[in-house]
Amino acid sequence: MTRHVIDWLGLAAAPTFAIMALLTGGFGNGQMAMMCSAAPDASPLNGMAAMYLLMSAFHLTPWLKLISRRRGVAFGPSS
């Protein structure tokens, strides 16, 4: 049962970071946004919303494994 819980917990990261990116992009124009961006025009990937989008992308592996298992496609070492 513990392994099953860990697998489902791993699936929670990507959608959580995606929601945080949406919320930060929509409501993140406050004082904290100014503190987190030292050079606002230095890069097109600046700000907390971009960081949350990148974190969401990096945590997509459990979702890709789940989709590949359901389709019957091998994806990395089987566990």
Protein backbone atom coordinates (compact mmCIF):
# COMPACT_ATOMS: atom_id res chain seq x y z
CA MET A 1 0.00 0.00 0.00
CA THR A 2 2.87 2.41 0.73
CA ARG A 3 4.21 2.13 -2.82
CA HIS A 4 0.73 2.89 -4.18
CA VAL A 5 0.50 6.05 -2.05
CA ILE A 6 3.97 7.16 -3.15
CA ASP A 7 3.04 6.68 -6.82
CA TRP A 8 -0.08 8.81 -6.46
CA LEU A 9 1.79 11.45 -4.46
CA GLY A 10 4.27 11.72 -7.33
CA LEU A 11 1.37 12.48 -9.67
CA ALA A 12 0.32 15.44 -7.51
CA ALA A 13 3.44 17.57 -8.12
CA ALA A 14 2.97 18.61 -11.78
CA PRO A 15 -0.68 19.78 -11.50
CA THR A 16 0.10 21.54 -8.21
CA PHE A 17 2.93 23.53 -9.77
CA ALA A 18 0.78 24.29 -12.85
CA ILE A 19 -1.99 25.69 -10.65
CA MET A 20 0.56 27.71 -8.68
CA ALA A 21 1.88 29.14 -11.97
CA LEU A 22 -1.63 30.17 -13.02
CA LEU A 23 -2.36 31.75 -9.67
CA THR A 24 0.99 33.51 -9.53
CA GLY A 25 0.60 34.78 -13.09
CA GLY A 26 -2.88 36.09 -12.38
CA PHE A 27 -2.40 37.48 -8.89
CA GLY A 28 1.36 37.75 -8.49
CA ASN A 29 1.92 41.44 -9.19
CA GLY A 30 2.53 42.38 -5.56
CA GLN A 31 5.55 43.30 -3.50
CA MET A 32 6.88 39.71 -3.40
CA ALA A 33 7.06 39.60 -7.20
CA MET A 34 9.29 42.68 -7.13
CA MET A 35 11.60 41.09 -4.55
CA CYS A 36 11.95 37.86 -6.54
CA SER A 37 13.01 39.52 -9.78
CA ALA A 38 16.25 41.46 -9.35
CA ALA A 39 16.63 42.18 -13.07
CA PRO A 40 13.09 42.21 -14.50
CA ASP A 41 14.06 42.43 -18.19
CA ALA A 42 17.11 40.16 -18.10
CA SER A 43 15.38 37.04 -19.40
CA PRO A 44 12.03 36.12 -20.93
CA LEU A 45 11.82 33.34 -18.30
CA ASN A 46 11.71 35.51 -15.21
CA GLY A 47 9.40 35.59 -12.27
CA MET A 48 7.73 33.04 -10.09
CA ALA A 49 5.16 31.96 -12.71
CA ALA A 50 7.93 30.85 -15.07
CA MET A 51 9.66 28.99 -12.25
CA TYR A 52 6.44 27.12 -11.40
CA LEU A 53 5.90 26.23 -15.07
CA LEU A 54 9.42 24.82 -15.28
CA MET A 55 8.93 22.85 -12.05
CA SER A 56 5.68 21.48 -13.45
CA ALA A 57 7.46 20.38 -16.64
CA PHE A 58 10.26 18.70 -14.65
CA HIS A 59 7.70 16.73 -12.63
CA LEU A 60 5.84 15.29 -15.65
CA THR A 61 7.72 11.97 -15.56
CA PRO A 62 5.16 10.14 -13.35
CA TRP A 63 2.37 11.25 -15.69
CA LEU A 64 4.29 10.06 -18.75
CA LYS A 65 4.92 6.69 -17.08
CA LEU A 66 1.24 6.35 -16.20
CA ILE A 67 0.15 7.16 -19.75
CA SER A 68 2.69 4.76 -21.25
CA ARG A 69 1.60 1.94 -18.91
CA ARG A 70 -2.01 2.43 -19.91
CA ARG A 71 -1.08 2.37 -23.59
CA GLY A 72 1.28 -0.57 -23.15
CA VAL A 73 4.38 1.33 -24.28
CA ALA A 74 7.67 0.76 -22.47
CA PHE A 75 9.04 3.90 -20.79
CA GLY A 76 12.32 3.48 -18.95
CA PRO A 77 13.08 0.68 -16.51
CA SER A 78 9.98 -1.08 -15.27
CA SER A 79 9.30 -1.02 -11.57
